[in-house]
Structures are given as C-alpha cells and as structure tokens.
Amino acid sequence: MKDPRQLIKFPLITEKSTEVKDKNWYVFAVDRKANKSEIKNSVEKIFNVKVASVRTLVTPGKVVKRFGRDVGRRSAMKKAYVKLKEGSIELFEGV
C-alpha cells in the first residue's frame, strides 16, 4: 500500500461539496489507481476519524480552449465521497 498522503491528493471545496458536508460527507481528489478500501484506510490514518462508507467517481477531462488546430484539455480526476460515522474533519470547518 502507498503512503496515505500520496493517495489523498487534496480536498475539493466546491459548492456541491459544502452542501453535502452538512450530511457528514467529505470530498477528496484521490489517486486514479486507489480503491475504496485504500481510500478509507488513508482518511482514517490522516484525520483520525472512523469512515462509514466511500463512493468514488472519475470525472473525464474536458476541452478547455482551442489554440488553432490544437486543443487544450484538462486531465481526468478521480473523486472520493467519504462519509464519516461520527465527528468531523477540521480542515473543512469554517468554509
């Protein structure tokens, strides 16, 4: 297993992620090769919380801008929605 800080890249703070935070869900960008059990173990080790469930999805990269015949693209990203049993992650408080 990789280092937990390599699997969890960064927290996603968007309008949707702040809405689901009220229901005890937290959203992270994770490594594309990480599976649900690795994500669960990584979040538990990094933030010292108990994870109830993990849902993942891959957002495809999208075309951002054309430069003549060349196309600029964003890379695809894997997101993980993590639901906690109890408690909260202090990183998201005050957002």
PDB file of N, CA and C in Angstrom:
ATOM      1  N   MET A   1       0.842  -1.181   0.000  1.00  0.00           N
ATOM      2  CA  MET A   1       0.000   0.000   0.000  1.00  0.00           C
ATOM      3  C   MET A   1       0.887   1.245   0.000  1.00  0.00           C
ATOM      4  N   LYS A   2       0.441   2.266  -0.689  1.00  0.00           N
ATOM      5  CA  LYS A   2       1.182   3.521  -0.756  1.00  0.00           C
ATOM      6  C   LYS A   2       1.023   4.309   0.542  1.00  0.00           C
ATOM      7  N   ASP A   3       1.803   5.356   0.626  1.00  0.00           N
ATOM      8  CA  ASP A   3       1.682   6.286   1.738  1.00  0.00           C
ATOM      9  C   ASP A   3       0.307   6.950   1.669  1.00  0.00           C
ATOM     10  N   PRO A   4      -0.407   7.092   2.795  1.00  0.00           N
ATOM     11  CA  PRO A   4      -1.754   7.693   2.769  1.00  0.00           C
ATOM     12  C   PRO A   4      -1.785   9.093   2.163  1.00  0.00           C
ATOM     13  N   ARG A   5      -0.717   9.841   2.314  1.00  0.00           N
ATOM     14  CA  ARG A   5      -0.710  11.199   1.779  1.00  0.00           C
ATOM     15  C   ARG A   5      -0.486  11.223   0.268  1.00  0.00           C
ATOM     16  N   GLN A   6      -0.057  10.105  -0.315  1.00  0.00           N
ATOM     17  CA  GLN A   6       0.043  10.020  -1.765  1.00  0.00           C
ATOM     18  C   GLN A   6      -1.289   9.641  -2.391  1.00  0.00           C
ATOM     19  N   LEU A   7      -2.122   8.905  -1.655  1.00  0.00           N
ATOM     20  CA  LEU A   7      -3.432   8.505  -2.180  1.00  0.00           C
ATOM     21  C   LEU A   7      -4.426   9.658  -2.152  1.00  0.00           C
ATOM     22  N   ILE A   8      -4.467  10.398  -1.045  1.00  0.00           N
ATOM     23  CA  ILE A   8      -5.369  11.546  -0.907  1.00  0.00           C
ATOM     24  C   ILE A   8      -4.603  12.768  -1.383  1.00  0.00           C
ATOM     25  N   LYS A   9      -4.973  13.311  -2.535  1.00  0.00           N
ATOM     26  CA  LYS A   9      -4.225  14.433  -3.104  1.00  0.00           C
ATOM     27  C   LYS A   9      -4.574  15.748  -2.424  1.00  0.00           C
ATOM     28  N   PHE A  10      -5.865  16.121  -2.455  1.00  0.00           N
ATOM     29  CA  PHE A  10      -6.295  17.365  -1.830  1.00  0.00           C
ATOM     30  C   PHE A  10      -7.806  17.329  -1.636  1.00  0.00           C
ATOM     31  N   PRO A  11      -8.321  18.117  -0.679  1.00  0.00           N
ATOM     32  CA  PRO A  11      -9.774  18.184  -0.504  1.00  0.00           C
ATOM     33  C   PRO A  11     -10.389  19.069  -1.582  1.00  0.00           C
ATOM     34  N   LEU A  12     -11.571  18.700  -2.020  1.00  0.00           N
ATOM     35  CA  LEU A  12     -12.290  19.506  -3.003  1.00  0.00           C
ATOM     36  C   LEU A  12     -13.297  20.380  -2.276  1.00  0.00           C
ATOM     37  N   ILE A  13     -13.152  21.672  -2.450  1.00  0.00           N
ATOM     38  CA  ILE A  13     -14.068  22.617  -1.813  1.00  0.00           C
ATOM     39  C   ILE A  13     -14.811  23.326  -2.928  1.00  0.00           C
ATOM     40  N   THR A  14     -16.011  22.822  -3.197  1.00  0.00           N
ATOM     41  CA  THR A  14     -16.873  23.380  -4.223  1.00  0.00           C
ATOM     42  C   THR A  14     -18.233  23.650  -3.600  1.00  0.00           C
ATOM     43  N   GLU A  15     -19.129  24.187  -4.389  1.00  0.00           N
ATOM     44  CA  GLU A  15     -20.474  24.461  -3.897  1.00  0.00           C
ATOM     45  C   GLU A  15     -21.180  23.157  -3.510  1.00  0.00           C
ATOM     46  N   LYS A  16     -21.040  22.144  -4.328  1.00  0.00           N
ATOM     47  CA  LYS A  16     -21.683  20.859  -4.033  1.00  0.00           C
ATOM     48  C   LYS A  16     -21.062  20.189  -2.813  1.00  0.00           C
ATOM     49  N   SER A  17     -19.746  20.267  -2.677  1.00  0.00           N
ATOM     50  CA  SER A  17     -19.100  19.611  -1.538  1.00  0.00           C
ATOM     51  C   SER A  17     -19.447  20.292  -0.218  1.00  0.00           C
ATOM     52  N   THR A  18     -19.697  21.594  -0.226  1.00  0.00           N
ATOM     53  CA  THR A  18     -20.123  22.253   1.004  1.00  0.00           C
ATOM     54  C   THR A  18     -21.565  21.914   1.349  1.00  0.00           C
ATOM     55  N   GLU A  19     -22.396  21.615   0.358  1.00  0.00           N
ATOM     56  CA  GLU A  19     -23.773  21.192   0.633  1.00  0.00           C
ATOM     57  C   GLU A  19     -23.805  19.796   1.242  1.00  0.00           C
ATOM     58  N   VAL A  20     -23.009  18.872   0.735  1.00  0.00           N
ATOM     59  CA  VAL A  20     -23.024  17.508   1.263  1.00  0.00           C
ATOM     60  C   VAL A  20     -22.266  17.390   2.578  1.00  0.00           C
ATOM     61  N   LYS A  21     -21.477  18.398   2.935  1.00  0.00           N
ATOM     62  CA  LYS A  21     -20.759  18.390   4.210  1.00  0.00           C
ATOM     63  C   LYS A  21     -21.730  18.393   5.384  1.00  0.00           C
ATOM     64  N   ASP A  22     -22.903  18.989   5.200  1.00  0.00           N
ATOM     65  CA  ASP A  22     -23.912  19.003   6.255  1.00  0.00           C
ATOM     66  C   ASP A  22     -24.433  17.603   6.547  1.00  0.00           C
ATOM     67  N   LYS A  23     -24.347  16.704   5.572  1.00  0.00           N
ATOM     68  CA  LYS A  23     -24.797  15.320   5.744  1.00  0.00           C
ATOM     69  C   LYS A  23     -23.640  14.403   6.123  1.00  0.00           C
ATOM     70  N   ASN A  24     -22.519  14.989   6.554  1.00  0.00           N
ATOM     71  CA  ASN A  24     -21.331  14.272   7.013  1.00  0.00           C
ATOM     72  C   ASN A  24     -20.585  13.575   5.876  1.00  0.00           C
ATOM     73  N   TRP A  25     -20.654  14.113   4.656  1.00  0.00           N
ATOM     74  CA  TRP A  25     -19.880  13.634   3.514  1.00  0.00           C
ATOM     75  C   TRP A  25     -18.756  14.626   3.241  1.00  0.00           C
ATOM     76  N   TYR A  26     -17.589  14.128   2.911  1.00  0.00           N
ATOM     77  CA  TYR A  26     -16.442  14.957   2.574  1.00  0.00           C
ATOM     78  C   TYR A  26     -15.892  14.495   1.230  1.00  0.00           C
ATOM     79  N   VAL A  27     -15.399  15.433   0.418  1.00  0.00           N
ATOM     80  CA  VAL A  27     -14.980  15.125  -0.944  1.00  0.00           C
ATOM     81  C   VAL A  27     -13.475  15.375  -1.086  1.00  0.00           C
ATOM     82  N   PHE A  28     -12.785  14.381  -1.667  1.00  0.00           N
ATOM     83  CA  PHE A  28     -11.345  14.474  -1.872  1.00  0.00           C
ATOM     84  C   PHE A  28     -11.005  14.091  -3.304  1.00  0.00           C
ATOM     85  N   ALA A  29      -9.942  14.683  -3.835  1.00  0.00           N
ATOM     86  CA  ALA A  29      -9.353  14.217  -5.082  1.00  0.00           C
ATOM     87  C   ALA A  29      -8.340  13.149  -4.684  1.00  0.00           C
ATOM     88  N   VAL A  30      -8.421  11.992  -5.335  1.00  0.00           N
ATOM     89  CA  VAL A  30      -7.566  10.867  -4.953  1.00  0.00           C
ATOM     90  C   VAL A  30      -6.805  10.351  -6.169  1.00  0.00           C
ATOM     91  N   ASP A  31      -5.854   9.484  -5.900  1.00  0.00           N
ATOM     92  CA  ASP A  31      -5.069   8.853  -6.953  1.00  0.00           C
ATOM     93  C   ASP A  31      -5.971   7.987  -7.821  1.00  0.00           C
ATOM     94  N   ARG A  32      -5.748   7.989  -9.138  1.00  0.00           N
ATOM     95  CA  ARG A  32      -6.608   7.257 -10.069  1.00  0.00           C
ATOM     96  C   ARG A  32      -6.593   5.750  -9.812  1.00  0.00           C
ATOM     97  N   LYS A  33      -5.512   5.210  -9.267  1.00  0.00           N
ATOM     98  CA  LYS A  33      -5.392   3.772  -9.052  1.00  0.00           C
ATOM     99  C   LYS A  33      -5.852   3.330  -7.666  1.00  0.00           C
ATOM    100  N   ALA A  34      -6.259   4.257  -6.813  1.00  0.00           N
ATOM    101  CA  ALA A  34      -6.671   3.914  -5.449  1.00  0.00           C
ATOM    102  C   ALA A  34      -8.048   3.270  -5.449  1.00  0.00           C
ATOM    103  N   ASN A  35      -8.224   2.239  -4.612  1.00  0.00           N
ATOM    104  CA  ASN A  35      -9.541   1.632  -4.475  1.00  0.00           C
ATOM    105  C   ASN A  35     -10.194   2.114  -3.182  1.00  0.00           C
ATOM    106  N   LYS A  36     -11.434   1.687  -2.949  1.00  0.00           N
ATOM    107  CA  LYS A  36     -12.208   2.216  -1.831  1.00  0.00           C
ATOM    108  C   LYS A  36     -11.599   1.868  -0.479  1.00  0.00           C
ATOM    109  N   SER A  37     -11.097   0.673  -0.319  1.00  0.00           N
ATOM    110  CA  SER A  37     -10.527   0.295   0.976  1.00  0.00           C
ATOM    111  C   SER A  37      -9.240   1.069   1.266  1.00  0.00           C
ATOM    112  N   GLU A  38      -8.429   1.324   0.246  1.00  0.00           N
ATOM    113  CA  GLU A  38      -7.225   2.131   0.451  1.00  0.00           C
ATOM    114  C   GLU A  38      -7.581   3.562   0.805  1.00  0.00           C
ATOM    115  N   ILE A  39      -8.609   4.115   0.168  1.00  0.00           N
ATOM    116  CA  ILE A  39      -9.044   5.474   0.471  1.00  0.00           C
ATOM    117  C   ILE A  39      -9.558   5.552   1.905  1.00  0.00           C
ATOM    118  N   LYS A  40     -10.349   4.555   2.301  1.00  0.00           N
ATOM    119  CA  LYS A  40     -10.887   4.515   3.667  1.00  0.00           C
ATOM    120  C   LYS A  40      -9.762   4.491   4.693  1.00  0.00           C
ATOM    121  N   ASN A  41      -8.791   3.600   4.511  1.00  0.00           N
ATOM    122  CA  ASN A  41      -7.675   3.500   5.450  1.00  0.00           C
ATOM    123  C   ASN A  41      -6.845   4.776   5.484  1.00  0.00           C
ATOM    124  N   SER A  42      -6.653   5.409   4.340  1.00  0.00           N
ATOM    125  CA  SER A  42      -5.865   6.636   4.285  1.00  0.00           C
ATOM    126  C   SER A  42      -6.543   7.778   5.033  1.00  0.00           C
ATOM    127  N   VAL A  43      -7.860   7.954   4.832  1.00  0.00           N
ATOM    128  CA  VAL A  43      -8.579   9.025   5.520  1.00  0.00           C
ATOM    129  C   VAL A  43      -8.586   8.777   7.023  1.00  0.00           C
ATOM    130  N   GLU A  44      -8.756   7.522   7.439  1.00  0.00           N
ATOM    131  CA  GLU A  44      -8.745   7.211   8.866  1.00  0.00           C
ATOM    132  C   GLU A  44      -7.386   7.502   9.498  1.00  0.00           C
ATOM    133  N   LYS A  45      -6.298   7.208   8.781  1.00  0.00           N
ATOM    134  CA  LYS A  45      -4.958   7.459   9.324  1.00  0.00           C
ATOM    135  C   LYS A  45      -4.621   8.948   9.356  1.00  0.00           C
ATOM    136  N   ILE A  46      -4.979   9.667   8.311  1.00  0.00           N
ATOM    137  CA  ILE A  46      -4.591  11.079   8.221  1.00  0.00           C
ATOM    138  C   ILE A  46      -5.384  11.940   9.203  1.00  0.00           C
ATOM    139  N   PHE A  47      -6.706  11.727   9.272  1.00  0.00           N
ATOM    140  CA  PHE A  47      -7.563  12.632  10.037  1.00  0.00           C
ATOM    141  C   PHE A  47      -8.048  12.051  11.361  1.00  0.00           C
ATOM    142  N   ASN A  48      -7.673  10.817  11.704  1.00  0.00           N
ATOM    143  CA  ASN A  48      -8.071  10.173  12.958  1.00  0.00           C
ATOM    144  C   ASN A  48      -9.586  10.163  13.153  1.00  0.00           C
ATOM    145  N   VAL A  49     -10.313   9.689  12.153  1.00  0.00           N
ATOM    146  CA  VAL A  49     -11.768   9.563  12.200  1.00  0.00           C
ATOM    147  C   VAL A  49     -12.143   8.153  11.766  1.00  0.00           C
ATOM    148  N   LYS A  50     -13.405   7.779  11.984  1.00  0.00           N
ATOM    149  CA  LYS A  50     -13.917   6.491  11.522  1.00  0.00           C
ATOM    150  C   LYS A  50     -14.772   6.726  10.288  1.00  0.00           C
ATOM    151  N   VAL A  51     -14.487   6.000   9.222  1.00  0.00           N
ATOM    152  CA  VAL A  51     -15.189   6.160   7.948  1.00  0.00           C
ATOM    153  C   VAL A  51     -16.297   5.110   7.857  1.00  0.00           C
ATOM    154  N   ALA A  52     -17.504   5.565   7.504  1.00  0.00           N
ATOM    155  CA  ALA A  52     -18.636   4.653   7.342  1.00  0.00           C
ATOM    156  C   ALA A  52     -18.660   4.078   5.928  1.00  0.00           C
ATOM    157  N   SER A  53     -18.521   4.926   4.907  1.00  0.00           N
ATOM    158  CA  SER A  53     -18.551   4.436   3.531  1.00  0.00           C
ATOM    159  C   SER A  53     -17.778   5.376   2.612  1.00  0.00           C
ATOM    160  N   VAL A  54     -17.437   4.840   1.436  1.00  0.00           N
ATOM    161  CA  VAL A  54     -16.700   5.591   0.426  1.00  0.00           C
ATOM    162  C   VAL A  54     -17.373   5.373  -0.918  1.00  0.00           C
ATOM    163  N   ARG A  55     -17.579   6.436  -1.645  1.00  0.00           N
ATOM    164  CA  ARG A  55     -18.075   6.366  -3.022  1.00  0.00           C
ATOM    165  C   ARG A  55     -17.069   7.071  -3.912  1.00  0.00           C
ATOM    166  N   THR A  56     -16.791   6.486  -5.064  1.00  0.00           N
ATOM    167  CA  THR A  56     -15.805   7.072  -5.966  1.00  0.00           C
ATOM    168  C   THR A  56     -16.404   7.302  -7.342  1.00  0.00           C
ATOM    169  N   LEU A  57     -15.819   8.246  -8.061  1.00  0.00           N
ATOM    170  CA  LEU A  57     -16.201   8.507  -9.439  1.00  0.00           C
ATOM    171  C   LEU A  57     -15.025   9.142 -10.151  1.00  0.00           C
ATOM    172  N   VAL A  58     -14.991   8.940 -11.460  1.00  0.00           N
ATOM    173  CA  VAL A  58     -13.941   9.523 -12.289  1.00  0.00           C
ATOM    174  C   VAL A  58     -14.590  10.562 -13.188  1.00  0.00           C
ATOM    175  N   THR A  59     -14.154  11.814 -13.056  1.00  0.00           N
ATOM    176  CA  THR A  59     -14.659  12.859 -13.928  1.00  0.00           C
ATOM    177  C   THR A  59     -13.753  12.931 -15.146  1.00  0.00           C
ATOM    178  N   PRO A  60     -14.307  12.873 -16.340  1.00  0.00           N
ATOM    179  CA  PRO A  60     -13.465  12.897 -17.536  1.00  0.00           C
ATOM    180  C   PRO A  60     -12.854  14.282 -17.743  1.00  0.00           C
ATOM    181  N   GLY A  61     -11.696  14.302 -18.392  1.00  0.00           N
ATOM    182  CA  GLY A  61     -11.083  15.575 -18.734  1.00  0.00           C
ATOM    183  C   GLY A  61     -11.910  16.278 -19.785  1.00  0.00           C
ATOM    184  N   LYS A  62     -11.928  17.584 -19.749  1.00  0.00           N
ATOM    185  CA  LYS A  62     -12.749  18.294 -20.717  1.00  0.00           C
ATOM    186  C   LYS A  62     -11.923  19.271 -21.534  1.00  0.00           C
ATOM    187  N   VAL A  63     -12.419  19.585 -22.696  1.00  0.00           N
ATOM    188  CA  VAL A  63     -11.738  20.509 -23.585  1.00  0.00           C
ATOM    189  C   VAL A  63     -11.906  21.918 -23.024  1.00  0.00           C
ATOM    190  N   VAL A  64     -10.804  22.585 -22.803  1.00  0.00           N
ATOM    191  CA  VAL A  64     -10.841  23.907 -22.202  1.00  0.00           C
ATOM    192  C   VAL A  64     -10.790  24.998 -23.259  1.00  0.00           C
ATOM    193  N   LYS A  65      -9.823  24.930 -24.138  1.00  0.00           N
ATOM    194  CA  LYS A  65      -9.645  26.004 -25.105  1.00  0.00           C
ATOM    195  C   LYS A  65      -8.965  25.465 -26.347  1.00  0.00           C
ATOM    196  N   ARG A  66      -9.328  26.031 -27.469  1.00  0.00           N
ATOM    197  CA  ARG A  66      -8.676  25.659 -28.725  1.00  0.00           C
ATOM    198  C   ARG A  66      -7.603  26.689 -29.039  1.00  0.00           C
ATOM    199  N   PHE A  67      -6.479  26.197 -29.511  1.00  0.00           N
ATOM    200  CA  PHE A  67      -5.391  27.049 -29.963  1.00  0.00           C
ATOM    201  C   PHE A  67      -5.132  26.710 -31.428  1.00  0.00           C
ATOM    202  N   GLY A  68      -5.945  27.282 -32.335  1.00  0.00           N
ATOM    203  CA  GLY A  68      -5.851  26.928 -33.741  1.00  0.00           C
ATOM    204  C   GLY A  68      -6.302  25.496 -33.943  1.00  0.00           C
ATOM    205  N   ARG A  69      -5.407  24.649 -34.418  1.00  0.00           N
ATOM    206  CA  ARG A  69      -5.787  23.251 -34.603  1.00  0.00           C
ATOM    207  C   ARG A  69      -5.520  22.403 -33.363  1.00  0.00           C
ATOM    208  N   ASP A  70      -4.816  22.950 -32.391  1.00  0.00           N
ATOM    209  CA  ASP A  70      -4.522  22.226 -31.154  1.00  0.00           C
ATOM    210  C   ASP A  70      -5.626  22.461 -30.131  1.00  0.00           C
ATOM    211  N   VAL A  71      -5.855  21.450 -29.305  1.00  0.00           N
ATOM    212  CA  VAL A  71      -6.911  21.525 -28.295  1.00  0.00           C
ATOM    213  C   VAL A  71      -6.278  21.406 -26.921  1.00  0.00           C
ATOM    214  N   GLY A  72      -6.618  22.341 -26.024  1.00  0.00           N
ATOM    215  CA  GLY A  72      -6.180  22.243 -24.639  1.00  0.00           C
ATOM    216  C   GLY A  72      -7.169  21.398 -23.850  1.00  0.00           C
ATOM    217  N   ARG A  73      -6.665  20.473 -23.053  1.00  0.00           N
ATOM    218  CA  ARG A  73      -7.523  19.573 -22.280  1.00  0.00           C
ATOM    219  C   ARG A  73      -7.129  19.588 -20.820  1.00  0.00           C
ATOM    220  N   ARG A  74      -8.151  19.470 -19.963  1.00  0.00           N
ATOM    221  CA  ARG A  74      -7.900  19.201 -18.558  1.00  0.00           C
ATOM    222  C   ARG A  74      -7.767  17.700 -18.386  1.00  0.00           C
ATOM    223  N   SER A  75      -6.963  17.279 -17.431  1.00  0.00           N
ATOM    224  CA  SER A  75      -6.817  15.851 -17.203  1.00  0.00           C
ATOM    225  C   SER A  75      -8.001  15.327 -16.388  1.00  0.00           C
ATOM    226  N   ALA A  76      -8.256  14.038 -16.511  1.00  0.00           N
ATOM    227  CA  ALA A  76      -9.337  13.409 -15.755  1.00  0.00           C
ATOM    228  C   ALA A  76      -8.940  13.343 -14.280  1.00  0.00           C
ATOM    229  N   MET A  77      -9.941  13.319 -13.398  1.00  0.00           N
ATOM    230  CA  MET A  77      -9.688  13.310 -11.970  1.00  0.00           C
ATOM    231  C   MET A  77     -10.607  12.296 -11.300  1.00  0.00           C
ATOM    232  N   LYS A  78     -10.091  11.602 -10.305  1.00  0.00           N
ATOM    233  CA  LYS A  78     -10.904  10.679  -9.529  1.00  0.00           C
ATOM    234  C   LYS A  78     -11.271  11.360  -8.220  1.00  0.00           C
ATOM    235  N   LYS A  79     -12.573  11.348  -7.901  1.00  0.00           N
ATOM    236  CA  LYS A  79     -13.073  11.941  -6.665  1.00  0.00           C
ATOM    237  C   LYS A  79     -13.534  10.840  -5.734  1.00  0.00           C
ATOM    238  N   ALA A  80     -13.443  11.101  -4.448  1.00  0.00           N
ATOM    239  CA  ALA A  80     -13.941  10.167  -3.449  1.00  0.00           C
ATOM    240  C   ALA A  80     -14.844  10.928  -2.490  1.00  0.00           C
ATOM    241  N   TYR A  81     -16.086  10.458  -2.369  1.00  0.00           N
ATOM    242  CA  TYR A  81     -17.017  10.977  -1.372  1.00  0.00           C
ATOM    243  C   TYR A  81     -16.894  10.067  -0.157  1.00  0.00           C
ATOM    244  N   VAL A  82     -16.504  10.636   0.993  1.00  0.00           N
ATOM    245  CA  VAL A  82     -16.252   9.857   2.196  1.00  0.00           C
ATOM    246  C   VAL A  82     -17.269  10.260   3.252  1.00  0.00           C
ATOM    247  N   LYS A  83     -18.018   9.263   3.779  1.00  0.00           N
ATOM    248  CA  LYS A  83     -18.994   9.511   4.839  1.00  0.00           C
ATOM    249  C   LYS A  83     -18.402   9.044   6.155  1.00  0.00           C
ATOM    250  N   LEU A  84     -18.481   9.914   7.170  1.00  0.00           N
ATOM    251  CA  LEU A  84     -17.931   9.596   8.479  1.00  0.00           C
ATOM    252  C   LEU A  84     -19.015   9.044   9.393  1.00  0.00           C
ATOM    253  N   LYS A  85     -18.604   8.166  10.320  1.00  0.00           N
ATOM    254  CA  LYS A  85     -19.550   7.626  11.301  1.00  0.00           C
ATOM    255  C   LYS A  85     -19.929   8.698  12.308  1.00  0.00           C
ATOM    256  N   GLU A  86     -18.929   9.357  12.867  1.00  0.00           N
ATOM    257  CA  GLU A  86     -19.180  10.482  13.771  1.00  0.00           C
ATOM    258  C   GLU A  86     -17.982  11.409  13.720  1.00  0.00           C
ATOM    259  N   GLY A  87     -18.157  12.599  14.240  1.00  0.00           N
ATOM    260  CA  GLY A  87     -17.074  13.567  14.226  1.00  0.00           C
ATOM    261  C   GLY A  87     -17.034  14.357  12.930  1.00  0.00           C
ATOM    262  N   SER A  88     -15.962  15.113  12.769  1.00  0.00           N
ATOM    263  CA  SER A  88     -15.809  15.915  11.559  1.00  0.00           C
ATOM    264  C   SER A  88     -14.318  16.074  11.273  1.00  0.00           C
ATOM    265  N   ILE A  89     -14.024  16.562  10.091  1.00  0.00           N
ATOM    266  CA  ILE A  89     -12.657  16.847   9.681  1.00  0.00           C
ATOM    267  C   ILE A  89     -12.456  18.345   9.825  1.00  0.00           C
ATOM    268  N   GLU A  90     -11.497  18.742  10.632  1.00  0.00           N
ATOM    269  CA  GLU A  90     -11.305  20.148  10.962  1.00  0.00           C
ATOM    270  C   GLU A  90     -10.871  20.983   9.762  1.00  0.00           C
ATOM    271  N   LEU A  91     -10.306  20.339   8.769  1.00  0.00           N
ATOM    272  CA  LEU A  91      -9.846  21.034   7.579  1.00  0.00           C
ATOM    273  C   LEU A  91     -10.992  21.755   6.868  1.00  0.00           C
ATOM    274  N   PHE A  92     -12.198  21.184   6.926  1.00  0.00           N
ATOM    275  CA  PHE A  92     -13.348  21.725   6.225  1.00  0.00           C
ATOM    276  C   PHE A  92     -14.141  22.724   7.059  1.00  0.00           C
ATOM    277  N   GLU A  93     -13.862  22.835   8.344  1.00  0.00           N
ATOM    278  CA  GLU A  93     -14.627  23.738   9.201  1.00  0.00           C
ATOM    279  C   GLU A  93     -14.322  25.188   8.842  1.00  0.00           C
ATOM    280  N   GLY A  94     -15.344  26.025   8.838  1.00  0.00           N
ATOM    281  CA  GLY A  94     -15.180  27.428   8.543  1.00  0.00           C
ATOM    282  C   GLY A  94     -15.180  27.743   7.062  1.00  0.00           C
ATOM    283  N   VAL A  95     -15.490  26.771   6.219  1.00  0.00           N
ATOM    284  CA  VAL A  95     -15.523  27.006   4.772  1.00  0.00           C
ATOM    285  C   VAL A  95     -16.925  27.372   4.371  1.00  0.00           C
TER     286      VAL A  95
END
